[in-house]
Amino acid sequence: MQKIFTLIILLLAATAAKAAKVDTVTVPAKFLDTPMKVSVVTPDAASAASPVPVVYILNGYDGDYSSWLNITRPDLPALADAYGVVLVMPDGRDSWYWDSPVQPGMQMESFITKELVPFIDANYPTIPSRDKRAITGLSMGGHGALYLAARHPELWGSAGSMSGGVDIRPFPKSWKMAQRLGAGIDADPELWNSHTVATVLPAIEPGSLNIIIDCGVDDFFAQVNRNLHQSLLDAGVPHDYTERPGRHSHAYWANSILYHLLFFNEAFAKQ
């Protein structure tokens, strides 16, 4: 299947101008301690045509705004050209993409929804509509993408997760989560329940969000993804769910992003 996707991308890219522009911009951020560096890829098609859809791609824990382009998928500009979409990669800052209840300078949800999205729409040729805006990410970023989309249906019509930490509760001492939330799970279980995709996503209105979720069968997040899949089935929330061979690795995510961009492209085309 990966070879098929690669062939499709090569064929599409061969017919495109292959001149996507890559920027690193600094976005003012009153909700964060410091301004945010963001990688933005603008497809060549957007320079001479009407505005295009946009996909936000979130990094995982210990990554930053450059991780997708420098490590996971250096050919993202070719993919942006092939699909005719703007790609936006902010710096997750190990935030889990929450507004921290205890760290005033780590209000990542507010920054992304109130500052980053308007900045991108004002400065890049995007279509400022939820139907033409998608968000996805890997690991911590997979949790963040689904969390943000579920809580902000006015902004995103499509969302995905690759190897996402979609239930934080089995990992109470990991990845700075207790530090960001300000309390351990035993001290404040309701706080943890309200900040995990596992409870937030199944509560959305069925059909209100185009959802794609995948995880490698040998990933340490495999079980929480299976549990989320079952919860969405029980709640009647439509979604695409896939397990494939693979671990928690850049090789897996480099393959996975092909499926997500195809899924989003089809969703954009329906609107």
C-alpha atoms as a PDB file:
ATOM      1  CA  MET A   1       0.000   0.000   0.000  1.00  0.00           C
ATOM      2  CA  GLN A   2       2.837   2.410   0.794  1.00  0.00           C
ATOM      3  CA  LYS A   3       4.286   1.860  -2.683  1.00  0.00           C
ATOM      4  CA  ILE A   4       0.909   2.700  -4.214  1.00  0.00           C
ATOM      5  CA  PHE A   5       0.672   5.936  -2.233  1.00  0.00           C
ATOM      6  CA  THR A   6       4.226   6.863  -3.152  1.00  0.00           C
ATOM      7  CA  LEU A   7       3.499   6.299  -6.846  1.00  0.00           C
ATOM      8  CA  ILE A   8       0.370   8.460  -6.628  1.00  0.00           C
ATOM      9  CA  ILE A   9       2.305  11.277  -4.978  1.00  0.00           C
ATOM     10  CA  LEU A  10       5.074  11.088  -7.577  1.00  0.00           C
ATOM     11  CA  LEU A  11       2.581  11.196 -10.424  1.00  0.00           C
ATOM     12  CA  LEU A  12       0.716  14.128  -8.904  1.00  0.00           C
ATOM     13  CA  ALA A  13       3.918  15.981  -8.155  1.00  0.00           C
ATOM     14  CA  ALA A  14       5.144  15.440 -11.707  1.00  0.00           C
ATOM     15  CA  THR A  15       2.171  17.394 -13.034  1.00  0.00           C
ATOM     16  CA  ALA A  16       2.552  20.204 -10.533  1.00  0.00           C
ATOM     17  CA  ALA A  17       4.970  23.110 -10.636  1.00  0.00           C
ATOM     18  CA  LYS A  18       6.840  21.690  -7.660  1.00  0.00           C
ATOM     19  CA  ALA A  19       7.615  25.140  -6.364  1.00  0.00           C
ATOM     20  CA  ALA A  20       6.075  25.128  -2.906  1.00  0.00           C
ATOM     21  CA  LYS A  21       7.394  27.884  -0.660  1.00  0.00           C
ATOM     22  CA  VAL A  22       8.631  27.070   2.845  1.00  0.00           C
ATOM     23  CA  ASP A  23       8.585  29.843   5.465  1.00  0.00           C
ATOM     24  CA  THR A  24       9.570  29.976   9.097  1.00  0.00           C
ATOM     25  CA  VAL A  25       7.521  32.768  10.623  1.00  0.00           C
ATOM     26  CA  THR A  26       7.352  34.198  14.124  1.00  0.00           C
ATOM     27  CA  VAL A  27       3.802  34.677  15.361  1.00  0.00           C
ATOM     28  CA  PRO A  28       3.066  37.106  18.223  1.00  0.00           C
ATOM     29  CA  ALA A  29       1.650  35.221  21.189  1.00  0.00           C
ATOM     30  CA  LYS A  30       0.009  36.884  24.161  1.00  0.00           C
ATOM     31  CA  PHE A  31      -1.079  33.460  25.443  1.00  0.00           C
ATOM     32  CA  LEU A  32       2.503  32.118  25.575  1.00  0.00           C
ATOM     33  CA  ASP A  33       5.686  33.224  27.332  1.00  0.00           C
ATOM     34  CA  THR A  34       7.385  33.979  24.017  1.00  0.00           C
ATOM     35  CA  PRO A  35       6.393  34.402  20.347  1.00  0.00           C
ATOM     36  CA  MET A  36       5.895  31.189  18.386  1.00  0.00           C
ATOM     37  CA  LYS A  37       8.000  29.981  15.483  1.00  0.00           C
ATOM     38  CA  VAL A  38       5.889  28.224  12.861  1.00  0.00           C
ATOM     39  CA  SER A  39       6.773  26.403   9.644  1.00  0.00           C
ATOM     40  CA  VAL A  40       4.397  27.154   6.771  1.00  0.00           C
ATOM     41  CA  VAL A  41       4.410  25.476   3.359  1.00  0.00           C
ATOM     42  CA  THR A  42       2.517  27.271   0.605  1.00  0.00           C
ATOM     43  CA  PRO A  43       1.816  25.309  -2.588  1.00  0.00           C
ATOM     44  CA  ASP A  44       2.760  26.815  -5.908  1.00  0.00           C
ATOM     45  CA  ALA A  45      -0.861  26.566  -7.050  1.00  0.00           C
ATOM     46  CA  ALA A  46      -1.880  29.112  -4.423  1.00  0.00           C
ATOM     47  CA  SER A  47       0.316  31.819  -5.911  1.00  0.00           C
ATOM     48  CA  ALA A  48      -1.626  32.100  -9.121  1.00  0.00           C
ATOM     49  CA  ALA A  49      -5.047  30.729  -8.287  1.00  0.00           C
ATOM     50  CA  SER A  50      -7.816  31.146  -5.737  1.00  0.00           C
ATOM     51  CA  PRO A  51      -7.215  30.402  -2.031  1.00  0.00           C
ATOM     52  CA  VAL A  52      -6.694  26.780  -1.019  1.00  0.00           C
ATOM     53  CA  PRO A  53      -7.491  24.548   1.982  1.00  0.00           C
ATOM     54  CA  VAL A  54      -5.130  24.356   4.949  1.00  0.00           C
ATOM     55  CA  VAL A  55      -3.890  21.474   7.096  1.00  0.00           C
ATOM     56  CA  TYR A  56      -2.334  22.016  10.515  1.00  0.00           C
ATOM     57  CA  ILE A  57       0.200  19.299  11.429  1.00  0.00           C
ATOM     58  CA  LEU A  58       1.212  19.034  15.086  1.00  0.00           C
ATOM     59  CA  ASN A  59       4.485  17.633  16.396  1.00  0.00           C
ATOM     60  CA  GLY A  60       4.907  15.173  19.238  1.00  0.00           C
ATOM     61  CA  TYR A  61       6.567  15.426  22.624  1.00  0.00           C
ATOM     62  CA  ASP A  62      10.178  16.638  22.436  1.00  0.00           C
ATOM     63  CA  GLY A  63       9.624  17.860  18.868  1.00  0.00           C
ATOM     64  CA  ASP A  64       9.210  21.369  17.513  1.00  0.00           C
ATOM     65  CA  TYR A  65       7.992  23.378  14.521  1.00  0.00           C
ATOM     66  CA  SER A  66      10.760  21.967  12.314  1.00  0.00           C
ATOM     67  CA  SER A  67      10.382  18.275  13.164  1.00  0.00           C
ATOM     68  CA  TRP A  68       8.003  17.339  10.374  1.00  0.00           C
ATOM     69  CA  LEU A  69      10.093  19.004   7.679  1.00  0.00           C
ATOM     70  CA  ASN A  70      13.532  18.099   9.004  1.00  0.00           C
ATOM     71  CA  ILE A  71      12.948  14.575  10.295  1.00  0.00           C
ATOM     72  CA  THR A  72       9.603  12.960   9.551  1.00  0.00           C
ATOM     73  CA  ARG A  73       8.775  13.985   5.991  1.00  0.00           C
ATOM     74  CA  PRO A  74      11.254  16.343   4.286  1.00  0.00           C
ATOM     75  CA  ASP A  75       9.241  16.127   1.065  1.00  0.00           C
ATOM     76  CA  LEU A  76       6.185  17.791   2.589  1.00  0.00           C
ATOM     77  CA  PRO A  77       6.504  20.675   0.071  1.00  0.00           C
ATOM     78  CA  ALA A  78       5.942  18.188  -2.772  1.00  0.00           C
ATOM     79  CA  LEU A  79       2.870  16.870  -0.970  1.00  0.00           C
ATOM     80  CA  ALA A  80       1.574  20.406  -0.482  1.00  0.00           C
ATOM     81  CA  ASP A  81       1.936  20.966  -4.228  1.00  0.00           C
ATOM     82  CA  ALA A  82       0.359  17.631  -5.075  1.00  0.00           C
ATOM     83  CA  TYR A  83      -2.755  18.290  -3.003  1.00  0.00           C
ATOM     84  CA  GLY A  84      -2.849  22.073  -3.341  1.00  0.00           C
ATOM     85  CA  VAL A  85      -2.951  22.787   0.398  1.00  0.00           C
ATOM     86  CA  VAL A  86      -1.175  25.098   2.801  1.00  0.00           C
ATOM     87  CA  LEU A  87       0.577  23.143   5.584  1.00  0.00           C
ATOM     88  CA  VAL A  88       1.082  24.760   8.997  1.00  0.00           C
ATOM     89  CA  MET A  89       3.401  23.329  11.676  1.00  0.00           C
ATOM     90  CA  PRO A  90       3.541  25.179  15.007  1.00  0.00           C
ATOM     91  CA  ASP A  91       5.784  24.322  17.957  1.00  0.00           C
ATOM     92  CA  GLY A  92       3.960  22.164  20.509  1.00  0.00           C
ATOM     93  CA  ARG A  93       6.408  23.038  23.328  1.00  0.00           C
ATOM     94  CA  ASP A  94       5.505  19.804  25.167  1.00  0.00           C
ATOM     95  CA  SER A  95       2.192  21.462  26.026  1.00  0.00           C
ATOM     96  CA  TRP A  96      -0.165  18.612  25.076  1.00  0.00           C
ATOM     97  CA  TYR A  97      -1.953  21.500  23.305  1.00  0.00           C
ATOM     98  CA  TRP A  98      -3.914  22.433  26.424  1.00  0.00           C
ATOM     99  CA  ASP A  99      -4.416  25.713  28.207  1.00  0.00           C
ATOM    100  CA  SER A 100      -2.460  24.894  31.360  1.00  0.00           C
ATOM    101  CA  PRO A 101      -4.519  25.610  34.495  1.00  0.00           C
ATOM    102  CA  VAL A 102      -1.339  26.539  36.393  1.00  0.00           C
ATOM    103  CA  GLN A 103       1.072  28.016  33.823  1.00  0.00           C
ATOM    104  CA  PRO A 104      -0.131  31.380  32.464  1.00  0.00           C
ATOM    105  CA  GLY A 105       2.542  31.332  29.774  1.00  0.00           C
ATOM    106  CA  MET A 106       1.451  27.954  28.431  1.00  0.00           C
ATOM    107  CA  GLN A 107      -2.028  28.614  27.048  1.00  0.00           C
ATOM    108  CA  MET A 108      -1.491  26.616  23.852  1.00  0.00           C
ATOM    109  CA  GLU A 109      -5.134  25.952  23.022  1.00  0.00           C
ATOM    110  CA  SER A 110      -5.901  29.675  23.170  1.00  0.00           C
ATOM    111  CA  PHE A 111      -2.819  30.561  21.149  1.00  0.00           C
ATOM    112  CA  ILE A 112      -3.638  28.152  18.331  1.00  0.00           C
ATOM    113  CA  THR A 113      -7.352  28.914  18.154  1.00  0.00           C
ATOM    114  CA  LYS A 114      -7.319  32.658  18.844  1.00  0.00           C
ATOM    115  CA  GLU A 115      -3.976  33.768  17.437  1.00  0.00           C
ATOM    116  CA  LEU A 116      -2.416  31.237  15.075  1.00  0.00           C
ATOM    117  CA  VAL A 117      -5.463  30.405  12.940  1.00  0.00           C
ATOM    118  CA  PRO A 118      -6.355  34.098  12.382  1.00  0.00           C
ATOM    119  CA  PHE A 119      -2.683  34.891  11.634  1.00  0.00           C
ATOM    120  CA  ILE A 120      -2.454  32.159   9.012  1.00  0.00           C
ATOM    121  CA  ASP A 121      -5.730  33.162   7.364  1.00  0.00           C
ATOM    122  CA  ALA A 122      -4.643  36.804   7.274  1.00  0.00           C
ATOM    123  CA  ASN A 123      -1.174  36.172   5.843  1.00  0.00           C
ATOM    124  CA  TYR A 124      -1.524  33.091   3.624  1.00  0.00           C
ATOM    125  CA  PRO A 125      -3.877  32.139   0.764  1.00  0.00           C
ATOM    126  CA  THR A 126      -6.155  29.885   2.813  1.00  0.00           C
ATOM    127  CA  ILE A 127      -9.895  29.437   2.623  1.00  0.00           C
ATOM    128  CA  PRO A 128     -11.110  30.696   6.028  1.00  0.00           C
ATOM    129  CA  SER A 129     -13.737  28.023   6.521  1.00  0.00           C
ATOM    130  CA  ARG A 130     -13.953  24.996   8.808  1.00  0.00           C
ATOM    131  CA  ASP A 131     -14.874  22.868   5.795  1.00  0.00           C
ATOM    132  CA  LYS A 132     -11.509  23.667   4.193  1.00  0.00           C
ATOM    133  CA  ARG A 133      -9.453  23.460   7.381  1.00  0.00           C
ATOM    134  CA  ALA A 134      -8.045  20.235   8.877  1.00  0.00           C
ATOM    135  CA  ILE A 135      -5.732  19.341  11.744  1.00  0.00           C
ATOM    136  CA  THR A 136      -3.687  16.245  12.519  1.00  0.00           C
ATOM    137  CA  GLY A 137      -0.549  15.254  14.384  1.00  0.00           C
ATOM    138  CA  LEU A 138       1.611  12.492  15.746  1.00  0.00           C
ATOM    139  CA  SER A 139       1.766  11.159  19.317  1.00  0.00           C
ATOM    140  CA  MET A 140       1.184  14.169  21.612  1.00  0.00           C
ATOM    141  CA  GLY A 141       0.184  16.034  18.450  1.00  0.00           C
ATOM    142  CA  GLY A 142      -2.413  13.382  17.619  1.00  0.00           C
ATOM    143  CA  HIS A 143      -3.999  13.988  21.001  1.00  0.00           C
ATOM    144  CA  GLY A 144      -3.763  17.729  20.431  1.00  0.00           C
ATOM    145  CA  ALA A 145      -5.347  17.619  16.982  1.00  0.00           C
ATOM    146  CA  LEU A 146      -8.399  15.648  18.113  1.00  0.00           C
ATOM    147  CA  TYR A 147      -8.684  17.640  21.344  1.00  0.00           C
ATOM    148  CA  LEU A 148      -8.624  21.002  19.566  1.00  0.00           C
ATOM    149  CA  ALA A 149     -10.985  19.942  16.782  1.00  0.00           C
ATOM    150  CA  ALA A 150     -13.506  18.456  19.214  1.00  0.00           C
ATOM    151  CA  ARG A 151     -13.505  21.595  21.346  1.00  0.00           C
ATOM    152  CA  HIS A 152     -13.527  24.043  18.419  1.00  0.00           C
ATOM    153  CA  PRO A 153     -15.941  22.768  15.754  1.00  0.00           C
ATOM    154  CA  GLU A 154     -16.192  26.297  14.401  1.00  0.00           C
ATOM    155  CA  LEU A 155     -12.568  26.059  13.238  1.00  0.00           C
ATOM    156  CA  TRP A 156     -11.978  22.519  11.972  1.00  0.00           C
ATOM    157  CA  GLY A 157     -14.184  20.260   9.885  1.00  0.00           C
ATOM    158  CA  SER A 158     -11.639  17.424   9.696  1.00  0.00           C
ATOM    159  CA  ALA A 159      -9.159  16.005  12.182  1.00  0.00           C
ATOM    160  CA  GLY A 160      -6.757  13.116  12.529  1.00  0.00           C
ATOM    161  CA  SER A 161      -4.365  11.367  14.872  1.00  0.00           C
ATOM    162  CA  MET A 162      -1.272   9.281  14.116  1.00  0.00           C
ATOM    163  CA  SER A 163      -0.107   7.093  17.012  1.00  0.00           C
ATOM    164  CA  GLY A 164      -1.888   9.524  19.286  1.00  0.00           C
ATOM    165  CA  GLY A 165      -1.729   9.538  23.067  1.00  0.00           C
ATOM    166  CA  VAL A 166      -5.490   9.708  22.949  1.00  0.00           C
ATOM    167  CA  ASP A 167      -6.004   8.754  26.598  1.00  0.00           C
ATOM    168  CA  ILE A 168      -3.631  10.456  29.004  1.00  0.00           C
ATOM    169  CA  ARG A 169      -4.942   8.708  32.116  1.00  0.00           C
ATOM    170  CA  PRO A 170      -2.899   5.472  31.863  1.00  0.00           C
ATOM    171  CA  PHE A 171       0.307   7.570  31.827  1.00  0.00           C
ATOM    172  CA  PRO A 172      -0.046   9.900  34.850  1.00  0.00           C
ATOM    173  CA  LYS A 173       3.679  10.333  35.483  1.00  0.00           C
ATOM    174  CA  SER A 174       4.826  10.738  31.905  1.00  0.00           C
ATOM    175  CA  TRP A 175       5.652  13.564  29.479  1.00  0.00           C
ATOM    176  CA  LYS A 176       5.124  16.549  31.832  1.00  0.00           C
ATOM    177  CA  MET A 177       1.359  16.052  31.886  1.00  0.00           C
ATOM    178  CA  ALA A 178       0.982  16.439  35.665  1.00  0.00           C
ATOM    179  CA  GLN A 179       3.225  19.511  35.505  1.00  0.00           C
ATOM    180  CA  ARG A 180       1.064  21.099  32.806  1.00  0.00           C
ATOM    181  CA  LEU A 181      -2.209  20.242  34.568  1.00  0.00           C
ATOM    182  CA  GLY A 182      -0.970  21.176  38.025  1.00  0.00           C
ATOM    183  CA  ALA A 183      -2.189  18.033  39.770  1.00  0.00           C
ATOM    184  CA  GLY A 184      -1.720  14.298  39.575  1.00  0.00           C
ATOM    185  CA  ILE A 185      -4.536  12.054  38.488  1.00  0.00           C
ATOM    186  CA  ASP A 186      -5.179  10.791  42.016  1.00  0.00           C
ATOM    187  CA  ALA A 187      -5.454  14.316  43.356  1.00  0.00           C
ATOM    188  CA  ASP A 188      -7.837  15.560  40.641  1.00  0.00           C
ATOM    189  CA  PRO A 189      -9.243  12.792  38.408  1.00  0.00           C
ATOM    190  CA  GLU A 190     -11.931  15.062  36.954  1.00  0.00           C
ATOM    191  CA  LEU A 191      -9.260  17.458  35.723  1.00  0.00           C
ATOM    192  CA  TRP A 192      -7.591  14.602  33.858  1.00  0.00           C
ATOM    193  CA  ASN A 193     -10.922  13.319  32.520  1.00  0.00           C
ATOM    194  CA  SER A 194     -11.738  16.730  31.060  1.00  0.00           C
ATOM    195  CA  HIS A 195      -8.362  17.042  29.349  1.00  0.00           C
ATOM    196  CA  THR A 196      -8.229  13.703  27.569  1.00  0.00           C
ATOM    197  CA  VAL A 197      -9.437  12.977  24.045  1.00  0.00           C
ATOM    198  CA  ALA A 198     -10.845   9.679  25.314  1.00  0.00           C
ATOM    199  CA  THR A 199     -13.713  11.542  26.993  1.00  0.00           C
ATOM    200  CA  VAL A 200     -13.895  14.693  24.840  1.00  0.00           C
ATOM    201  CA  LEU A 201     -14.122  13.176  21.351  1.00  0.00           C
ATOM    202  CA  PRO A 202     -16.936  10.626  21.929  1.00  0.00           C
ATOM    203  CA  ALA A 203     -19.081  13.483  23.247  1.00  0.00           C
ATOM    204  CA  ILE A 204     -19.176  15.406  19.965  1.00  0.00           C
ATOM    205  CA  GLU A 205     -22.242  15.455  17.744  1.00  0.00           C
ATOM    206  CA  PRO A 206     -22.064  12.410  15.447  1.00  0.00           C
ATOM    207  CA  GLY A 207     -21.151  13.427  11.925  1.00  0.00           C
ATOM    208  CA  SER A 208     -19.988  16.912  12.883  1.00  0.00           C
ATOM    209  CA  LEU A 209     -16.313  16.132  12.289  1.00  0.00           C
ATOM    210  CA  ASN A 210     -14.468  14.071   9.660  1.00  0.00           C
ATOM    211  CA  ILE A 211     -12.156  11.872  11.737  1.00  0.00           C
ATOM    212  CA  ILE A 212      -9.214   9.642  10.800  1.00  0.00           C
ATOM    213  CA  ILE A 213      -7.264   7.709  13.449  1.00  0.00           C
ATOM    214  CA  ASP A 214      -4.477   5.186  13.024  1.00  0.00           C
ATOM    215  CA  CYS A 215      -1.816   3.515  15.139  1.00  0.00           C
ATOM    216  CA  GLY A 216       0.855   0.874  14.690  1.00  0.00           C
ATOM    217  CA  VAL A 217       0.088  -2.514  16.181  1.00  0.00           C
ATOM    218  CA  ASP A 218       3.391  -2.510  18.084  1.00  0.00           C
ATOM    219  CA  ASP A 219       2.965   1.020  19.417  1.00  0.00           C
ATOM    220  CA  PHE A 220       2.718   1.594  23.180  1.00  0.00           C
ATOM    221  CA  PHE A 221      -0.368   3.716  22.425  1.00  0.00           C
ATOM    222  CA  ALA A 222      -2.080   0.904  20.477  1.00  0.00           C
ATOM    223  CA  GLN A 223      -4.481  -0.068  23.268  1.00  0.00           C
ATOM    224  CA  VAL A 224      -5.685   3.452  24.050  1.00  0.00           C
ATOM    225  CA  ASN A 225      -6.372   3.944  20.341  1.00  0.00           C
ATOM    226  CA  ARG A 226      -8.369   0.708  20.231  1.00  0.00           C
ATOM    227  CA  ASN A 227     -10.314   1.845  23.269  1.00  0.00           C
ATOM    228  CA  LEU A 228     -11.083   5.217  21.656  1.00  0.00           C
ATOM    229  CA  HIS A 229     -12.214   3.462  18.486  1.00  0.00           C
ATOM    230  CA  GLN A 230     -14.649   1.357  20.512  1.00  0.00           C
ATOM    231  CA  SER A 231     -15.899   4.403  22.423  1.00  0.00           C
ATOM    232  CA  LEU A 232     -16.603   6.207  19.164  1.00  0.00           C
ATOM    233  CA  LEU A 233     -18.475   3.165  17.849  1.00  0.00           C
ATOM    234  CA  ASP A 234     -20.529   3.025  21.038  1.00  0.00           C
ATOM    235  CA  ALA A 235     -21.327   6.734  20.749  1.00  0.00           C
ATOM    236  CA  GLY A 236     -22.244   6.462  17.070  1.00  0.00           C
ATOM    237  CA  VAL A 237     -19.518   8.889  15.983  1.00  0.00           C
ATOM    238  CA  PRO A 238     -18.416   8.075  12.407  1.00  0.00           C
ATOM    239  CA  HIS A 239     -14.673   7.798  11.894  1.00  0.00           C
ATOM    240  CA  ASP A 240     -11.974   6.008   9.908  1.00  0.00           C
ATOM    241  CA  TYR A 241      -9.833   3.753  12.086  1.00  0.00           C
ATOM    242  CA  THR A 242      -6.813   1.754  10.957  1.00  0.00           C
ATOM    243  CA  GLU A 243      -4.117  -0.360  12.564  1.00  0.00           C
ATOM    244  CA  ARG A 244      -1.023  -1.121  10.511  1.00  0.00           C
ATOM    245  CA  PRO A 245       2.291  -2.805  11.215  1.00  0.00           C
ATOM    246  CA  GLY A 246       4.604  -0.369  12.916  1.00  0.00           C
ATOM    247  CA  ARG A 247       5.963   1.159  16.074  1.00  0.00           C
ATOM    248  CA  HIS A 248       6.103   4.667  17.539  1.00  0.00           C
ATOM    249  CA  SER A 249       8.521   5.910  14.913  1.00  0.00           C
ATOM    250  CA  HIS A 250       9.128   8.531  12.247  1.00  0.00           C
ATOM    251  CA  ALA A 251       9.058   5.776   9.633  1.00  0.00           C
ATOM    252  CA  TYR A 252       5.484   4.990  10.638  1.00  0.00           C
ATOM    253  CA  TRP A 253       4.402   8.646  10.635  1.00  0.00           C
ATOM    254  CA  ALA A 254       6.056   9.344   7.287  1.00  0.00           C
ATOM    255  CA  ASN A 255       3.760   6.692   5.840  1.00  0.00           C
ATOM    256  CA  SER A 256       0.727   7.684   7.884  1.00  0.00           C
ATOM    257  CA  ILE A 257       0.648  11.306   6.732  1.00  0.00           C
ATOM    258  CA  LEU A 258      -0.046  10.083   3.187  1.00  0.00           C
ATOM    259  CA  TYR A 259      -3.312   8.527   4.339  1.00  0.00           C
ATOM    260  CA  HIS A 260      -4.288  11.632   6.279  1.00  0.00           C
ATOM    261  CA  LEU A 261      -3.677  14.035   3.416  1.00  0.00           C
ATOM    262  CA  LEU A 262      -5.673  11.805   1.079  1.00  0.00           C
ATOM    263  CA  PHE A 263      -8.513  11.626   3.622  1.00  0.00           C
ATOM    264  CA  PHE A 264      -8.536  15.406   4.060  1.00  0.00           C
ATOM    265  CA  ASN A 265      -8.367  16.001   0.310  1.00  0.00           C
ATOM    266  CA  GLU A 266     -11.485  13.892  -0.196  1.00  0.00           C
ATOM    267  CA  ALA A 267     -13.243  15.728   2.648  1.00  0.00           C
ATOM    268  CA  PHE A 268     -12.341  19.125   1.146  1.00  0.00           C
ATOM    269  CA  ALA A 269     -13.671  18.016  -2.232  1.00  0.00           C
ATOM    270  CA  LYS A 270     -17.084  17.177  -0.776  1.00  0.00           C
ATOM    271  CA  GLN A 271     -17.696  20.667   0.587  1.00  0.00           C
END
